[in-house]
Amino acid sequence: MFRIAANEPWWECVLNHCLFSIVDFGNIILGEDGERLAAFPIPRNANDPWHGYPIQSEESKPNPDLLDRWEEEGVITAHVRRKIETGR
């Protein structure tokens, strides 16, 4: 079973003001251009729904604290982490 939603509070990236999501260690392509990460910006109005979209890690990437958690919890491997950090 894969974690596919970013609604877990510890997946929030304070630096980018959004939640991030990744599926199956980044093996699942989420967007039309090969994106494997998704970002869910925090709505300006607390009553507005959250909307997410696929992104390339070169556009925006989770902060190191979130990547640490993902790696520690087995959400990503060290190899996938390096790819995210380098924007590949």
Protein backbone atom coordinates (compact mmCIF):
# COMPACT_ATOMS: atom_id res chain seq x y z
CA MET A 1 0.00 0.00 0.00
CA PHE A 2 1.33 3.41 -0.96
CA ARG A 3 0.94 6.76 0.74
CA ILE A 4 -0.58 8.90 -1.95
CA ALA A 5 -2.08 11.81 -0.06
CA ALA A 6 -0.19 14.74 1.33
CA ASN A 7 -2.70 15.32 4.10
CA GLU A 8 -0.38 13.92 6.75
CA PRO A 9 0.63 16.87 8.92
CA TRP A 10 4.28 15.88 9.04
CA TRP A 11 4.48 16.17 5.24
CA GLU A 12 4.07 19.95 5.45
CA CYS A 13 6.95 22.02 4.14
CA VAL A 14 7.04 25.24 6.16
CA LEU A 15 9.66 26.70 3.83
CA ASN A 16 7.39 26.42 0.77
CA HIS A 17 4.03 26.81 2.57
CA CYS A 18 2.62 23.61 1.13
CA LEU A 19 2.26 19.89 1.56
CA PHE A 20 4.21 17.57 -0.71
CA SER A 21 3.37 14.07 -1.84
CA ILE A 22 5.27 11.28 -3.55
CA VAL A 23 4.03 7.80 -4.44
CA ASP A 24 5.87 4.47 -4.37
CA PHE A 25 9.36 5.91 -3.79
CA GLY A 26 8.83 8.23 -6.77
CA ASN A 27 8.18 5.33 -9.15
CA ILE A 28 4.69 6.58 -10.02
CA ILE A 29 4.52 9.38 -12.57
CA LEU A 30 1.96 11.94 -11.48
CA GLY A 31 2.02 14.44 -14.33
CA GLU A 32 2.11 14.64 -18.10
CA ASP A 33 5.77 15.72 -18.11
CA GLY A 34 7.08 12.92 -15.92
CA GLU A 35 6.56 14.69 -12.59
CA ARG A 36 6.88 12.44 -9.58
CA LEU A 37 6.24 15.00 -6.82
CA ALA A 38 3.01 16.85 -6.09
CA ALA A 39 2.61 20.11 -4.19
CA PHE A 40 -0.51 21.23 -2.32
CA PRO A 41 -0.17 24.94 -1.47
CA ILE A 42 -1.77 26.03 1.79
CA PRO A 43 -4.97 27.90 0.89
CA ARG A 44 -5.03 31.58 1.80
CA ASN A 45 -8.49 31.18 3.28
CA ALA A 46 -8.82 28.36 5.82
CA ASN A 47 -12.26 27.48 4.39
CA ASP A 48 -10.96 27.00 0.84
CA PRO A 49 -10.28 23.45 -0.35
CA TRP A 50 -6.72 22.26 -0.85
CA HIS A 51 -5.67 21.70 -4.46
CA GLY A 52 -2.51 19.98 -5.55
CA TYR A 53 -0.66 19.56 -8.78
CA PRO A 54 2.38 17.66 -10.08
CA ILE A 55 5.71 19.52 -10.00
CA GLN A 56 9.31 18.99 -10.99
CA SER A 57 11.70 19.10 -8.04
CA GLU A 58 13.67 21.81 -9.82
CA GLU A 59 10.61 24.11 -9.49
CA SER A 60 10.07 23.58 -5.79
CA LYS A 61 11.31 20.89 -3.47
CA PRO A 62 10.60 19.76 0.07
CA ASN A 63 12.88 21.24 2.70
CA PRO A 64 15.63 19.03 4.17
CA ASP A 65 13.62 18.34 7.35
CA LEU A 66 10.78 16.84 5.32
CA LEU A 67 13.21 14.84 3.19
CA ASP A 68 14.81 13.56 6.42
CA ARG A 69 11.39 12.35 7.64
CA TRP A 70 10.56 10.73 4.32
CA GLU A 71 13.87 8.90 4.26
CA GLU A 72 13.64 7.81 7.93
CA GLU A 73 10.06 6.53 7.42
CA GLY A 74 10.93 4.68 4.21
CA VAL A 75 8.82 6.92 1.99
CA ILE A 76 11.88 7.56 -0.21
CA THR A 77 15.31 5.99 -0.54
CA ALA A 78 18.60 7.88 -0.24
CA HIS A 79 18.89 7.63 -4.04
CA VAL A 80 15.49 9.26 -4.60
CA ARG A 81 16.34 11.92 -2.02
CA ARG A 82 19.48 12.87 -3.96
CA LYS A 83 17.42 13.12 -7.15
CA ILE A 84 14.93 15.46 -5.44
CA GLU A 85 17.71 17.59 -3.95
CA THR A 86 19.48 17.95 -7.29
CA GLY A 87 16.25 18.61 -9.22
CA ARG A 88 16.40 15.50 -11.40
